[in-house]
Structure formats: C-alpha cells, structure tokens
Amino acid sequence: MQTAEVLELLQDVADRIVRPRFRSLSDGQVMEKNPGDLVTVADREAEVAITDVLRSAYPDALIVGEEAVAANPAILRRAGDAGHWFTVDPIDGTKNFVHGSPDHAVMVAELQGPTVTRSWIWQPEHQLAYVAELGSGAWCGDRRLTIDPSRRQPDGRTSWRREVGQSLGGDLPPMTLTWASCGIDYPKLVEGETDYIVYGGTMPWDHAPGSLLLTEAGGVVGYPDLEPYDPTTLRKPLIAAGSRTIFEQVAPKV
C-alpha cells in the first residue's frame, strides 16, 4: 500500500468506528484488560478493521496489534524474529478517549526487523496527520517537520514522564505527566512543546510510530546506555529527546 493509502485507512476507520463512540460510550462498551488498563469496543473493532486490510495487502507480514497481543501474547514474542511486520494501536490513549479527552490517536508502523521504515499517527479529534518514512522525512500534513538545530539543551521547559514525581536531579526540572498518549507525546516533542520524555513502558505499538517521526525530524530515541531504540525488545526505560545533546545530558541520570 502507498503511504497515503495507509493514512486514508486510519482516517476511514476512525470516522466509521472510533469517532462515533467518542463521548458516547455506554458502561458496557468499556472494559478492563488489567486493573486500570482500559479497552473499549472501539479499540477492538478498529484494530480488526485495520488488521484485515493490512493482512490482505501484506499476507506474509506479521501484524502485531495491541488488542491481539492482549488476547495472545505469543504474537508479540514472534516480533523478534519477524522480517516484515506492522504494529497497530487502534486507539492510543484509551483512557483519554474514555474520559472525553481529544488527546488520542490511531497509529500504525511498518518495520523490517528492528528498523521502522514507515509510520502513521492520526489524531482524529485534532484532525492532524503525522507521517514519517525512513530517509524521506517526517511530515504533518504537507508541512515537513524539522527540529530546530539550536535545541542543544533543555531551556527551562518542563520535562515529562509517565511516572509522575521523579526527579533526575542536577539542573533538570522535576518530571510531570505526559499527554498520556504516545500519539500525542511524540508530535508534541517534535513540535518543541517539551525537550525530552522518559518512558517506563516500551510496547512497540506505542513507540515505533513516534520514534520514526522523531528521528526523521532530527531527534533521538534510545536507552540510558546511549544505545538506539530497538522495537523488537521491551527494554526500558526509553528516552525520547529533541536533540542528541539533550539525550546525552539526560541519559546518564535516568
């Protein structure tokens, strides 16, 4: 499928399945996979719709969907040996979606082994599309995203972390909550609304799409030992930063 066709798929699924449920979910349409880990009928139906199209177009590729893995964890274990595979996150930021926040996204990434080659982030309530292709740049609609090279170090903007309250010490500001959706977090980081994010969770459907968007725009994603992000592992914590200098400043303190 062409890059534009995959984006159109996400937009169509969002319009047909996700958006009609936004702020309209009944109690019976919201469940818990684990305590505090919500899933809705919209998550499940959207993932099936996206997966069916991808599987038809790429019958030999492994499809690693968040809800499919919740039902069968063996799917995720196969990713490490997969040559060609996709991640599917039907609603990234399900808690936000359930609670009526527009900060959620529909996301897909295409990978060859550990390398993310294409990624798509569609924010249906914000009507913003973020697309990246390896070696061809990161885009928001028709606007190419390029991080200002002057972002050499944190400049006083608040840093963010999913685990609230931790401090890295030194001259780095205390950490507070992210936008609670990687499909919002990574674009906000690229757009300069924060300098870096440290994540405790590293599921590939959460991070593969945004990692390519960030690195194609000029940022860095990796681990405290300065090794680059590998979506075939669940290694953590994971650091996403707006520049190499910021990454190298934060990494030893994580």
C-alpha atoms as a PDB file:
ATOM      1  CA  MET A   1       0.000   0.000   0.000  1.00  0.00           C
ATOM      2  CA  GLN A   2       1.150   3.501  -0.725  1.00  0.00           C
ATOM      3  CA  THR A   3       1.851   5.694   2.280  1.00  0.00           C
ATOM      4  CA  ALA A   4      -1.185   7.867   1.550  1.00  0.00           C
ATOM      5  CA  GLU A   5      -3.407   4.794   1.321  1.00  0.00           C
ATOM      6  CA  VAL A   6      -2.476   3.634   4.816  1.00  0.00           C
ATOM      7  CA  LEU A   7      -3.230   7.090   6.201  1.00  0.00           C
ATOM      8  CA  GLU A   8      -6.596   7.034   4.423  1.00  0.00           C
ATOM      9  CA  LEU A   9      -7.277   3.642   6.010  1.00  0.00           C
ATOM     10  CA  LEU A  10      -6.668   5.033   9.503  1.00  0.00           C
ATOM     11  CA  GLN A  11      -8.825   8.066   8.794  1.00  0.00           C
ATOM     12  CA  ASP A  12     -11.652   5.921   7.441  1.00  0.00           C
ATOM     13  CA  VAL A  13     -11.577   3.547  10.416  1.00  0.00           C
ATOM     14  CA  ALA A  14     -11.530   6.489  12.798  1.00  0.00           C
ATOM     15  CA  ASP A  15     -14.520   8.072  11.089  1.00  0.00           C
ATOM     16  CA  ARG A  16     -16.543   4.851  10.977  1.00  0.00           C
ATOM     17  CA  ILE A  17     -15.639   3.194  14.266  1.00  0.00           C
ATOM     18  CA  VAL A  18     -13.780   5.474  16.673  1.00  0.00           C
ATOM     19  CA  ARG A  19     -15.275   8.943  16.383  1.00  0.00           C
ATOM     20  CA  PRO A  20     -18.935   7.836  16.649  1.00  0.00           C
ATOM     21  CA  ARG A  21     -18.076   6.378  20.101  1.00  0.00           C
ATOM     22  CA  PHE A  22     -16.198   9.445  21.332  1.00  0.00           C
ATOM     23  CA  ARG A  23     -18.060  10.804  24.371  1.00  0.00           C
ATOM     24  CA  SER A  24     -20.835   8.309  23.568  1.00  0.00           C
ATOM     25  CA  LEU A  25     -19.605   5.103  25.193  1.00  0.00           C
ATOM     26  CA  SER A  26     -22.009   3.160  27.371  1.00  0.00           C
ATOM     27  CA  ASP A  27     -20.817   1.403  30.513  1.00  0.00           C
ATOM     28  CA  GLY A  28     -20.939  -1.938  28.741  1.00  0.00           C
ATOM     29  CA  GLN A  29     -18.606  -0.700  25.989  1.00  0.00           C
ATOM     30  CA  VAL A  30     -15.682  -0.059  28.368  1.00  0.00           C
ATOM     31  CA  MET A  31     -13.780  -2.982  29.905  1.00  0.00           C
ATOM     32  CA  GLU A  32     -10.561  -3.590  31.852  1.00  0.00           C
ATOM     33  CA  LYS A  33      -7.878  -5.873  30.404  1.00  0.00           C
ATOM     34  CA  ASN A  34      -5.985  -5.493  33.675  1.00  0.00           C
ATOM     35  CA  PRO A  35      -6.706  -3.262  36.667  1.00  0.00           C
ATOM     36  CA  GLY A  36      -6.651   0.294  35.347  1.00  0.00           C
ATOM     37  CA  ASP A  37      -5.886  -0.817  31.761  1.00  0.00           C
ATOM     38  CA  LEU A  38      -8.989   0.107  29.777  1.00  0.00           C
ATOM     39  CA  VAL A  39     -10.183  -1.176  26.431  1.00  0.00           C
ATOM     40  CA  THR A  40     -13.348  -0.288  24.538  1.00  0.00           C
ATOM     41  CA  VAL A  41     -15.414  -1.806  21.775  1.00  0.00           C
ATOM     42  CA  ALA A  42     -13.958   0.914  19.540  1.00  0.00           C
ATOM     43  CA  ASP A  43     -10.387  -0.298  20.232  1.00  0.00           C
ATOM     44  CA  ARG A  44     -11.263  -3.857  19.331  1.00  0.00           C
ATOM     45  CA  GLU A  45     -13.344  -3.121  16.261  1.00  0.00           C
ATOM     46  CA  ALA A  46     -10.861  -0.580  14.900  1.00  0.00           C
ATOM     47  CA  GLU A  47      -7.945  -2.974  15.284  1.00  0.00           C
ATOM     48  CA  VAL A  48      -9.792  -5.731  13.435  1.00  0.00           C
ATOM     49  CA  ALA A  49     -10.664  -3.347  10.589  1.00  0.00           C
ATOM     50  CA  ILE A  50      -7.085  -2.081  10.211  1.00  0.00           C
ATOM     51  CA  THR A  51      -5.553  -5.541  10.570  1.00  0.00           C
ATOM     52  CA  ASP A  52      -7.851  -7.069   7.950  1.00  0.00           C
ATOM     53  CA  VAL A  53      -6.758  -4.534   5.328  1.00  0.00           C
ATOM     54  CA  LEU A  54      -3.050  -4.809   6.161  1.00  0.00           C
ATOM     55  CA  ARG A  55      -3.186  -8.600   6.175  1.00  0.00           C
ATOM     56  CA  SER A  56      -4.879  -8.599   2.777  1.00  0.00           C
ATOM     57  CA  ALA A  57      -2.254  -6.250   1.344  1.00  0.00           C
ATOM     58  CA  TYR A  58       0.701  -7.955   3.067  1.00  0.00           C
ATOM     59  CA  PRO A  59      -0.198 -11.626   3.617  1.00  0.00           C
ATOM     60  CA  ASP A  60       3.357 -12.563   4.610  1.00  0.00           C
ATOM     61  CA  ALA A  61       3.789  -9.809   7.204  1.00  0.00           C
ATOM     62  CA  LEU A  62       3.283 -10.242  10.939  1.00  0.00           C
ATOM     63  CA  ILE A  63       0.623  -7.917  12.347  1.00  0.00           C
ATOM     64  CA  VAL A  64       1.246  -7.011  15.988  1.00  0.00           C
ATOM     65  CA  GLY A  65      -1.887  -5.317  17.288  1.00  0.00           C
ATOM     66  CA  GLU A  66      -2.254  -4.189  20.885  1.00  0.00           C
ATOM     67  CA  GLU A  67      -5.570  -5.961  21.429  1.00  0.00           C
ATOM     68  CA  ALA A  68      -4.498  -9.102  19.581  1.00  0.00           C
ATOM     69  CA  VAL A  69      -1.446  -9.344  21.843  1.00  0.00           C
ATOM     70  CA  ALA A  70      -3.644  -8.852  24.910  1.00  0.00           C
ATOM     71  CA  ALA A  71      -5.561 -11.948  23.809  1.00  0.00           C
ATOM     72  CA  ASN A  72      -2.496 -13.893  22.638  1.00  0.00           C
ATOM     73  CA  PRO A  73       0.888 -12.704  23.999  1.00  0.00           C
ATOM     74  CA  ALA A  74       2.723 -15.149  21.723  1.00  0.00           C
ATOM     75  CA  ILE A  75       2.158 -12.743  18.828  1.00  0.00           C
ATOM     76  CA  LEU A  76       4.485 -10.192  20.400  1.00  0.00           C
ATOM     77  CA  ARG A  77       7.168 -12.806  21.026  1.00  0.00           C
ATOM     78  CA  ARG A  78       7.259 -13.511  17.294  1.00  0.00           C
ATOM     79  CA  ALA A  79       8.212  -9.910  16.504  1.00  0.00           C
ATOM     80  CA  GLY A  80      11.868 -10.501  17.353  1.00  0.00           C
ATOM     81  CA  ASP A  81      12.180 -12.994  14.507  1.00  0.00           C
ATOM     82  CA  ALA A  82       9.902 -11.239  12.042  1.00  0.00           C
ATOM     83  CA  GLY A  83      11.356  -9.846   8.853  1.00  0.00           C
ATOM     84  CA  HIS A  84       8.413  -7.706   7.759  1.00  0.00           C
ATOM     85  CA  TRP A  85       5.862  -6.646  10.369  1.00  0.00           C
ATOM     86  CA  PHE A  86       3.413  -3.961  11.385  1.00  0.00           C
ATOM     87  CA  THR A  87       2.309  -2.563  14.722  1.00  0.00           C
ATOM     88  CA  VAL A  88      -1.303  -1.454  15.176  1.00  0.00           C
ATOM     89  CA  ASP A  89      -2.542   0.737  18.005  1.00  0.00           C
ATOM     90  CA  PRO A  90      -6.245   1.291  17.301  1.00  0.00           C
ATOM     91  CA  ILE A  91      -6.689   3.955  19.986  1.00  0.00           C
ATOM     92  CA  ASP A  92      -3.534   5.160  21.654  1.00  0.00           C
ATOM     93  CA  GLY A  93      -4.615   6.946  24.799  1.00  0.00           C
ATOM     94  CA  THR A  94      -7.690   4.848  25.537  1.00  0.00           C
ATOM     95  CA  LYS A  95      -8.099   6.393  29.000  1.00  0.00           C
ATOM     96  CA  ASN A  96      -8.173   9.835  27.413  1.00  0.00           C
ATOM     97  CA  PHE A  97     -10.721   8.587  24.873  1.00  0.00           C
ATOM     98  CA  VAL A  98     -12.924   7.088  27.596  1.00  0.00           C
ATOM     99  CA  HIS A  99     -12.743  10.257  29.687  1.00  0.00           C
ATOM    100  CA  GLY A 100     -13.677  12.504  26.777  1.00  0.00           C
ATOM    101  CA  SER A 101     -10.232  13.982  26.045  1.00  0.00           C
ATOM    102  CA  PRO A 102      -9.382  14.607  22.382  1.00  0.00           C
ATOM    103  CA  ASP A 103      -5.770  13.605  23.096  1.00  0.00           C
ATOM    104  CA  HIS A 104      -5.789  10.166  21.492  1.00  0.00           C
ATOM    105  CA  ALA A 105      -4.585   8.747  18.185  1.00  0.00           C
ATOM    106  CA  VAL A 106      -4.820   5.858  15.744  1.00  0.00           C
ATOM    107  CA  MET A 107      -1.321   4.570  14.888  1.00  0.00           C
ATOM    108  CA  VAL A 108       0.446   2.103  12.615  1.00  0.00           C
ATOM    109  CA  ALA A 109       4.137   1.436  11.992  1.00  0.00           C
ATOM    110  CA  GLU A 110       5.797  -0.729   9.333  1.00  0.00           C
ATOM    111  CA  LEU A 111       9.063  -2.451  10.204  1.00  0.00           C
ATOM    112  CA  GLN A 112      11.781  -4.552   8.642  1.00  0.00           C
ATOM    113  CA  GLY A 113      13.287  -6.439  11.565  1.00  0.00           C
ATOM    114  CA  PRO A 114      14.159  -3.824  14.208  1.00  0.00           C
ATOM    115  CA  THR A 115      14.029  -0.925  11.732  1.00  0.00           C
ATOM    116  CA  VAL A 116      10.910   1.227  11.490  1.00  0.00           C
ATOM    117  CA  THR A 117      10.506   2.125   7.831  1.00  0.00           C
ATOM    118  CA  ARG A 118       7.169   3.971   7.766  1.00  0.00           C
ATOM    119  CA  SER A 119       4.812   5.289  10.419  1.00  0.00           C
ATOM    120  CA  TRP A 120       1.415   6.927  10.684  1.00  0.00           C
ATOM    121  CA  ILE A 121      -0.206   8.846  13.543  1.00  0.00           C
ATOM    122  CA  TRP A 122      -3.748  10.121  13.030  1.00  0.00           C
ATOM    123  CA  GLN A 123      -5.269  12.330  15.719  1.00  0.00           C
ATOM    124  CA  PRO A 124      -8.965  12.171  14.789  1.00  0.00           C
ATOM    125  CA  GLU A 125     -10.293  14.840  17.140  1.00  0.00           C
ATOM    126  CA  HIS A 126      -7.455  17.238  16.326  1.00  0.00           C
ATOM    127  CA  GLN A 127      -7.619  16.315  12.620  1.00  0.00           C
ATOM    128  CA  LEU A 128      -3.825  16.113  12.447  1.00  0.00           C
ATOM    129  CA  ALA A 129      -1.864  13.523  10.471  1.00  0.00           C
ATOM    130  CA  TYR A 130       1.793  12.768  11.232  1.00  0.00           C
ATOM    131  CA  VAL A 131       3.603  10.548   8.734  1.00  0.00           C
ATOM    132  CA  ALA A 132       7.250   9.518   8.504  1.00  0.00           C
ATOM    133  CA  GLU A 133       9.289   7.452   6.060  1.00  0.00           C
ATOM    134  CA  LEU A 134      12.822   6.268   6.721  1.00  0.00           C
ATOM    135  CA  GLY A 135      15.229   8.550   4.883  1.00  0.00           C
ATOM    136  CA  SER A 136      12.424  10.707   3.487  1.00  0.00           C
ATOM    137  CA  GLY A 137      11.489  12.864   6.454  1.00  0.00           C
ATOM    138  CA  ALA A 138       8.655  13.495   8.882  1.00  0.00           C
ATOM    139  CA  TRP A 139       5.523  15.379   7.966  1.00  0.00           C
ATOM    140  CA  CYS A 140       2.410  16.907   9.476  1.00  0.00           C
ATOM    141  CA  GLY A 141       0.091  17.107   6.518  1.00  0.00           C
ATOM    142  CA  ASP A 142       2.039  18.958   3.830  1.00  0.00           C
ATOM    143  CA  ARG A 143       4.428  20.549   6.341  1.00  0.00           C
ATOM    144  CA  ARG A 144       7.833  18.957   6.748  1.00  0.00           C
ATOM    145  CA  LEU A 145       8.881  18.641  10.372  1.00  0.00           C
ATOM    146  CA  THR A 146      12.437  19.616  11.234  1.00  0.00           C
ATOM    147  CA  ILE A 147      13.616  20.158  14.777  1.00  0.00           C
ATOM    148  CA  ASP A 148      15.426  23.447  15.270  1.00  0.00           C
ATOM    149  CA  PRO A 149      19.150  22.585  15.480  1.00  0.00           C
ATOM    150  CA  SER A 150      19.543  25.215  18.196  1.00  0.00           C
ATOM    151  CA  ARG A 151      17.826  22.850  20.655  1.00  0.00           C
ATOM    152  CA  ARG A 152      21.135  21.951  22.255  1.00  0.00           C
ATOM    153  CA  GLN A 153      19.966  21.581  25.838  1.00  0.00           C
ATOM    154  CA  PRO A 154      16.799  21.836  27.954  1.00  0.00           C
ATOM    155  CA  ASP A 155      15.878  25.505  28.028  1.00  0.00           C
ATOM    156  CA  GLY A 156      13.602  25.567  31.060  1.00  0.00           C
ATOM    157  CA  ARG A 157      10.520  23.997  29.531  1.00  0.00           C
ATOM    158  CA  THR A 158       9.030  21.302  31.724  1.00  0.00           C
ATOM    159  CA  SER A 159      10.212  17.794  31.044  1.00  0.00           C
ATOM    160  CA  TRP A 160       7.734  14.946  31.123  1.00  0.00           C
ATOM    161  CA  ARG A 161       7.420  11.403  32.370  1.00  0.00           C
ATOM    162  CA  ARG A 162       4.646   8.854  32.616  1.00  0.00           C
ATOM    163  CA  GLU A 163       5.677   8.130  36.213  1.00  0.00           C
ATOM    164  CA  VAL A 164       4.885  11.421  37.936  1.00  0.00           C
ATOM    165  CA  GLY A 165       7.074  12.983  40.596  1.00  0.00           C
ATOM    166  CA  GLN A 166      10.507  11.551  39.890  1.00  0.00           C
ATOM    167  CA  SER A 167      13.379  13.992  39.647  1.00  0.00           C
ATOM    168  CA  LEU A 168      16.542  13.319  37.671  1.00  0.00           C
ATOM    169  CA  GLY A 169      18.450  15.852  39.715  1.00  0.00           C
ATOM    170  CA  GLY A 170      21.033  18.384  38.683  1.00  0.00           C
ATOM    171  CA  ASP A 171      19.699  21.296  36.673  1.00  0.00           C
ATOM    172  CA  LEU A 172      16.915  19.240  35.099  1.00  0.00           C
ATOM    173  CA  PRO A 173      13.359  20.243  36.060  1.00  0.00           C
ATOM    174  CA  PRO A 174      11.081  17.865  38.010  1.00  0.00           C
ATOM    175  CA  MET A 175       9.159  15.406  35.864  1.00  0.00           C
ATOM    176  CA  THR A 176       5.404  15.611  35.450  1.00  0.00           C
ATOM    177  CA  LEU A 177       2.814  13.712  33.421  1.00  0.00           C
ATOM    178  CA  THR A 178       2.923  13.477  29.638  1.00  0.00           C
ATOM    179  CA  TRP A 179      -0.163  13.917  27.463  1.00  0.00           C
ATOM    180  CA  ALA A 180      -0.792  10.214  28.325  1.00  0.00           C
ATOM    181  CA  SER A 181      -0.772   9.124  24.689  1.00  0.00           C
ATOM    182  CA  CYS A 182       2.364   8.422  22.672  1.00  0.00           C
ATOM    183  CA  GLY A 183       0.428   9.517  19.589  1.00  0.00           C
ATOM    184  CA  ILE A 184       0.244  12.966  21.185  1.00  0.00           C
ATOM    185  CA  ASP A 185       3.552  12.908  23.094  1.00  0.00           C
ATOM    186  CA  TYR A 186       5.896  12.353  20.168  1.00  0.00           C
ATOM    187  CA  PRO A 187       4.381  15.043  17.939  1.00  0.00           C
ATOM    188  CA  LYS A 188       4.454  17.483  20.872  1.00  0.00           C
ATOM    189  CA  LEU A 189       8.138  16.678  21.367  1.00  0.00           C
ATOM    190  CA  VAL A 190       8.875  17.197  17.674  1.00  0.00           C
ATOM    191  CA  GLU A 191       6.961  20.485  17.696  1.00  0.00           C
ATOM    192  CA  GLY A 192       9.067  21.736  20.624  1.00  0.00           C
ATOM    193  CA  GLU A 193       6.497  21.702  23.437  1.00  0.00           C
ATOM    194  CA  THR A 194       8.868  19.699  25.629  1.00  0.00           C
ATOM    195  CA  ASP A 195      12.558  18.797  25.487  1.00  0.00           C
ATOM    196  CA  TYR A 196      12.512  15.116  26.364  1.00  0.00           C
ATOM    197  CA  ILE A 197      10.309  12.295  27.658  1.00  0.00           C
ATOM    198  CA  VAL A 198      11.317   9.271  29.716  1.00  0.00           C
ATOM    199  CA  TYR A 199       9.051   6.236  29.395  1.00  0.00           C
ATOM    200  CA  GLY A 200       8.680   3.271  31.708  1.00  0.00           C
ATOM    201  CA  GLY A 201       6.564   1.287  29.219  1.00  0.00           C
ATOM    202  CA  THR A 202       8.019   0.295  25.857  1.00  0.00           C
ATOM    203  CA  MET A 203       5.425  -1.679  23.887  1.00  0.00           C
ATOM    204  CA  PRO A 204       6.257  -1.403  20.167  1.00  0.00           C
ATOM    205  CA  TRP A 205       2.805  -0.227  19.104  1.00  0.00           C
ATOM    206  CA  ASP A 206       3.239   2.746  21.445  1.00  0.00           C
ATOM    207  CA  HIS A 207       6.738   3.782  20.376  1.00  0.00           C
ATOM    208  CA  ALA A 208       7.524   2.539  16.872  1.00  0.00           C
ATOM    209  CA  PRO A 209       5.369   5.169  15.105  1.00  0.00           C
ATOM    210  CA  GLY A 210       6.585   8.151  17.117  1.00  0.00           C
ATOM    211  CA  SER A 211      10.204   7.036  17.194  1.00  0.00           C
ATOM    212  CA  LEU A 212      10.485   7.294  13.421  1.00  0.00           C
ATOM    213  CA  LEU A 213       8.664  10.626  13.375  1.00  0.00           C
ATOM    214  CA  LEU A 214      11.105  11.990  15.948  1.00  0.00           C
ATOM    215  CA  THR A 215      14.316  10.653  14.419  1.00  0.00           C
ATOM    216  CA  GLU A 216      13.357  11.726  10.904  1.00  0.00           C
ATOM    217  CA  ALA A 217      12.758  15.234  12.275  1.00  0.00           C
ATOM    218  CA  GLY A 218      16.196  15.278  13.923  1.00  0.00           C
ATOM    219  CA  GLY A 219      15.564  13.914  17.421  1.00  0.00           C
ATOM    220  CA  VAL A 220      16.865  10.818  19.212  1.00  0.00           C
ATOM    221  CA  VAL A 221      15.226   7.777  20.825  1.00  0.00           C
ATOM    222  CA  GLY A 222      17.255   5.324  22.896  1.00  0.00           C
ATOM    223  CA  TYR A 223      18.290   3.923  26.259  1.00  0.00           C
ATOM    224  CA  PRO A 224      20.353   5.167  29.213  1.00  0.00           C
ATOM    225  CA  ASP A 225      23.478   3.456  27.837  1.00  0.00           C
ATOM    226  CA  LEU A 226      23.035   5.578  24.668  1.00  0.00           C
ATOM    227  CA  GLU A 227      22.064   2.596  22.513  1.00  0.00           C
ATOM    228  CA  PRO A 228      19.339   3.358  19.930  1.00  0.00           C
ATOM    229  CA  TYR A 229      15.737   2.212  20.290  1.00  0.00           C
ATOM    230  CA  ASP A 230      15.012  -1.387  19.312  1.00  0.00           C
ATOM    231  CA  PRO A 231      11.272  -2.137  18.944  1.00  0.00           C
ATOM    232  CA  THR A 232      11.883  -5.896  18.935  1.00  0.00           C
ATOM    233  CA  THR A 233      12.711  -5.724  22.662  1.00  0.00           C
ATOM    234  CA  LEU A 234      10.770  -4.455  25.663  1.00  0.00           C
ATOM    235  CA  ARG A 235      13.867  -2.898  27.167  1.00  0.00           C
ATOM    236  CA  LYS A 236      13.230   0.065  29.443  1.00  0.00           C
ATOM    237  CA  PRO A 237      13.364   2.862  30.351  1.00  0.00           C
ATOM    238  CA  LEU A 238      13.214   4.604  26.990  1.00  0.00           C
ATOM    239  CA  ILE A 239      14.304   8.190  26.381  1.00  0.00           C
ATOM    240  CA  ALA A 240      12.983  10.394  23.584  1.00  0.00           C
ATOM    241  CA  ALA A 241      14.791  13.711  23.157  1.00  0.00           C
ATOM    242  CA  GLY A 242      14.701  16.686  20.848  1.00  0.00           C
ATOM    243  CA  SER A 243      18.428  16.563  20.132  1.00  0.00           C
ATOM    244  CA  ARG A 244      21.487  14.376  20.596  1.00  0.00           C
ATOM    245  CA  THR A 245      22.878  16.837  23.139  1.00  0.00           C
ATOM    246  CA  ILE A 246      19.734  16.718  25.262  1.00  0.00           C
ATOM    247  CA  PHE A 247      19.651  12.918  25.007  1.00  0.00           C
ATOM    248  CA  GLU A 248      23.245  12.621  26.183  1.00  0.00           C
ATOM    249  CA  GLN A 249      22.584  15.038  29.045  1.00  0.00           C
ATOM    250  CA  VAL A 250      19.506  13.146  30.289  1.00  0.00           C
ATOM    251  CA  ALA A 251      20.547   9.508  29.676  1.00  0.00           C
ATOM    252  CA  PRO A 252      23.165   9.129  32.467  1.00  0.00           C
ATOM    253  CA  LYS A 253      20.662  10.424  35.034  1.00  0.00           C
ATOM    254  CA  VAL A 254      17.821   8.033  34.200  1.00  0.00           C
END
